[in-house]
Amino acid sequence: MRRPTKYTVSARLYDVISFEWPVYRAGREAAFELLNLPVGSHVLDLGCGTGLNFAGLQRMIGPTGSITGVDASPQMLEQARRRADRFGWSNVTLVAADATALTSADLGEQAPFDAALSTYALSLMTPWQAALEAMIAATRVGGVVAVVDMQRPVGWSAGWTPLAKLACRLGGSDIEAHPWTAMTPLLRDLSTRAVRGGHIQIRVGTVGSRLAEPNY
């Protein structure tokens, strides 16, 4: 079921209020390192928001690659478009769609993609399992899929749990969702990384062979 889009008012302030630089940028950078995409790769950014992944992806894929950003919020996509225009990234395509109900018509001619990623987005979605399966299905065999999301801090960082829970609540995320746990049976060669006291979890895996290719 399609829900009302979030961030109607806050989209323009999202990059400032989301704790991106002090906390959450570290998860994106870890994912980029694990993805290590070659120049010319075509990438699906599921739940792209304001386009905070774009710069890191562009460093790898270059102008011959492409980014297809999908988000349900027109306001967030407006900010993503402004970002792409500001930096002259003509290889960015933005799609307004519900990530839990993606169709081949939503994704365009670049599908199936060489890579797909979702950063801090699956835990916002219900059901997030459908979105994860959709991004895997939209990635070619041998392509890579990355998920970055949040849990309660662990170990010596557990004292930060109330702040982490507050940040997730304010952003509409379910800190108990743990969407990366569903990747193990769906992908092979899974790489694992954790940063910020285990609060941020990163997983990157490879799409294996399947009986029938999706009609993307």
Foldseek 3Di string as FASTA:
>chain_A
DDDDDPCPPCLVVCVPPLCCVVPVVVLLVVQLVVQQAAAQFEEEEEQCFLPPNVVSVCVHHPLNYAYEYEHQDPSRVVNNVVVCVVVVNPRYHYFNDDLLDDDPVRGPDCWLGLEYEYAQPLQQDVVSVSNVVSNLLRHDAFHKYKYKHFAQADDPQNVCRVVLVVSCVVVNGDNPNPVVVVCVVQFPPKDWDADDRNGMIMIMGGGHDDPDRDPD
